């Protein structure tokens, strides 16, 4: 009788450890949103300030914009989530 109780307790402990390690091993992976860039059609001149670029992009119905070097020139690129 004592042996069967000891076996049951050991089996229960093993099951709890197995479940606990499986729960700890699972991770939630979140999808990262990619940003799509489009060169601004209304920004004129060299892009020196990303805040100015963002303001022009918002006027072009984009949520944000930033300066990037493109072909050795600083250009304003508007961005939105793809």
Protein backbone atom coordinates (compact mmCIF):
# COMPACT_ATOMS: atom_id res chain seq x y z
CA UNK A 1 0.00 0.00 0.00
CA UNK A 2 2.78 2.44 0.91
CA UNK A 3 4.58 1.58 -2.32
CA UNK A 4 1.54 2.40 -4.48
CA UNK A 5 1.04 5.74 -2.68
CA UNK A 6 4.68 6.56 -3.17
CA UNK A 7 4.42 5.64 -6.90
CA UNK A 8 1.26 7.76 -7.29
CA UNK A 9 2.92 10.73 -5.56
CA UNK A 10 6.01 10.36 -7.75
CA UNK A 11 3.90 10.15 -10.91
CA UNK A 12 1.91 13.22 -9.88
CA UNK A 13 5.10 15.17 -9.15
CA UNK A 14 6.53 14.16 -12.53
CA UNK A 15 3.32 15.24 -14.27
CA UNK A 16 3.35 18.63 -12.50
CA UNK A 17 6.99 19.19 -13.46
CA UNK A 18 6.28 18.23 -17.05
CA UNK A 19 3.32 20.61 -17.30
CA UNK A 20 5.29 23.42 -15.62
CA UNK A 21 8.21 23.11 -18.04
CA UNK A 22 5.89 23.03 -21.04
CA UNK A 23 4.08 26.13 -19.84
CA UNK A 24 7.37 27.96 -19.32
CA UNK A 25 8.66 26.94 -22.74
CA UNK A 26 5.77 28.40 -24.69
CA UNK A 27 6.35 31.92 -25.85
CA UNK A 28 4.04 34.25 -27.64
CA UNK A 29 5.45 35.53 -30.90
CA UNK A 30 4.15 38.87 -32.02
CA UNK A 31 4.21 39.82 -35.64
CA UNK A 32 6.13 42.96 -36.35
CA UNK A 33 4.51 45.42 -38.66
CA UNK A 34 6.68 46.38 -41.59
CA UNK A 35 6.94 49.98 -42.70
CA UNK A 36 6.44 50.74 -46.39
CA UNK A 37 8.32 53.78 -47.66
CA UNK A 38 7.32 56.06 -50.51
CA UNK A 39 9.29 59.10 -51.61
CA UNK A 40 7.39 62.31 -50.96
CA UNK A 41 6.01 64.05 -54.06
CA UNK A 42 5.63 67.45 -52.41
CA UNK A 43 8.85 67.81 -50.37
CA UNK A 44 11.29 70.19 -52.08
CA UNK A 45 15.03 70.41 -51.51
CA UNK A 46 17.38 68.37 -49.34
CA UNK A 47 15.77 66.66 -46.37
CA UNK A 48 17.58 67.97 -43.31
CA UNK A 49 14.81 67.68 -40.72
CA UNK A 50 12.70 64.57 -40.25
CA UNK A 51 10.05 66.65 -38.45
CA UNK A 52 9.56 68.80 -41.58
CA UNK A 53 9.45 65.67 -43.69
CA UNK A 54 6.83 64.13 -41.39
CA UNK A 55 4.67 67.27 -41.63
CA UNK A 56 4.76 67.18 -45.44
CA UNK A 57 3.98 63.45 -45.40
CA UNK A 58 0.98 64.01 -43.13
CA UNK A 59 -0.30 66.51 -45.73
CA UNK A 60 0.07 63.69 -48.28
CA UNK A 61 -2.11 61.40 -46.05
CA UNK A 62 0.77 59.37 -44.59
CA UNK A 63 1.06 58.93 -40.83
CA UNK A 64 4.81 59.66 -40.69
CA UNK A 65 7.93 60.47 -42.67
CA UNK A 66 11.69 60.57 -42.26
CA UNK A 67 14.83 61.59 -44.12
CA UNK A 68 16.92 58.93 -45.85
CA UNK A 69 20.02 59.06 -47.99
CA UNK A 70 19.16 57.96 -51.51
CA UNK A 71 21.74 58.15 -54.33
CA UNK A 72 23.98 60.39 -52.16
CA UNK A 73 21.15 62.88 -51.58
CA UNK A 74 18.94 63.32 -48.51
CA UNK A 75 15.33 62.67 -49.56
CA UNK A 76 12.04 62.73 -47.67
CA UNK A 77 10.33 59.35 -47.51
CA UNK A 78 6.79 58.94 -46.22
CA UNK A 79 6.03 55.76 -44.33
CA UNK A 80 3.03 53.74 -43.27
CA UNK A 81 2.45 50.23 -42.01
CA UNK A 82 2.18 47.71 -44.84
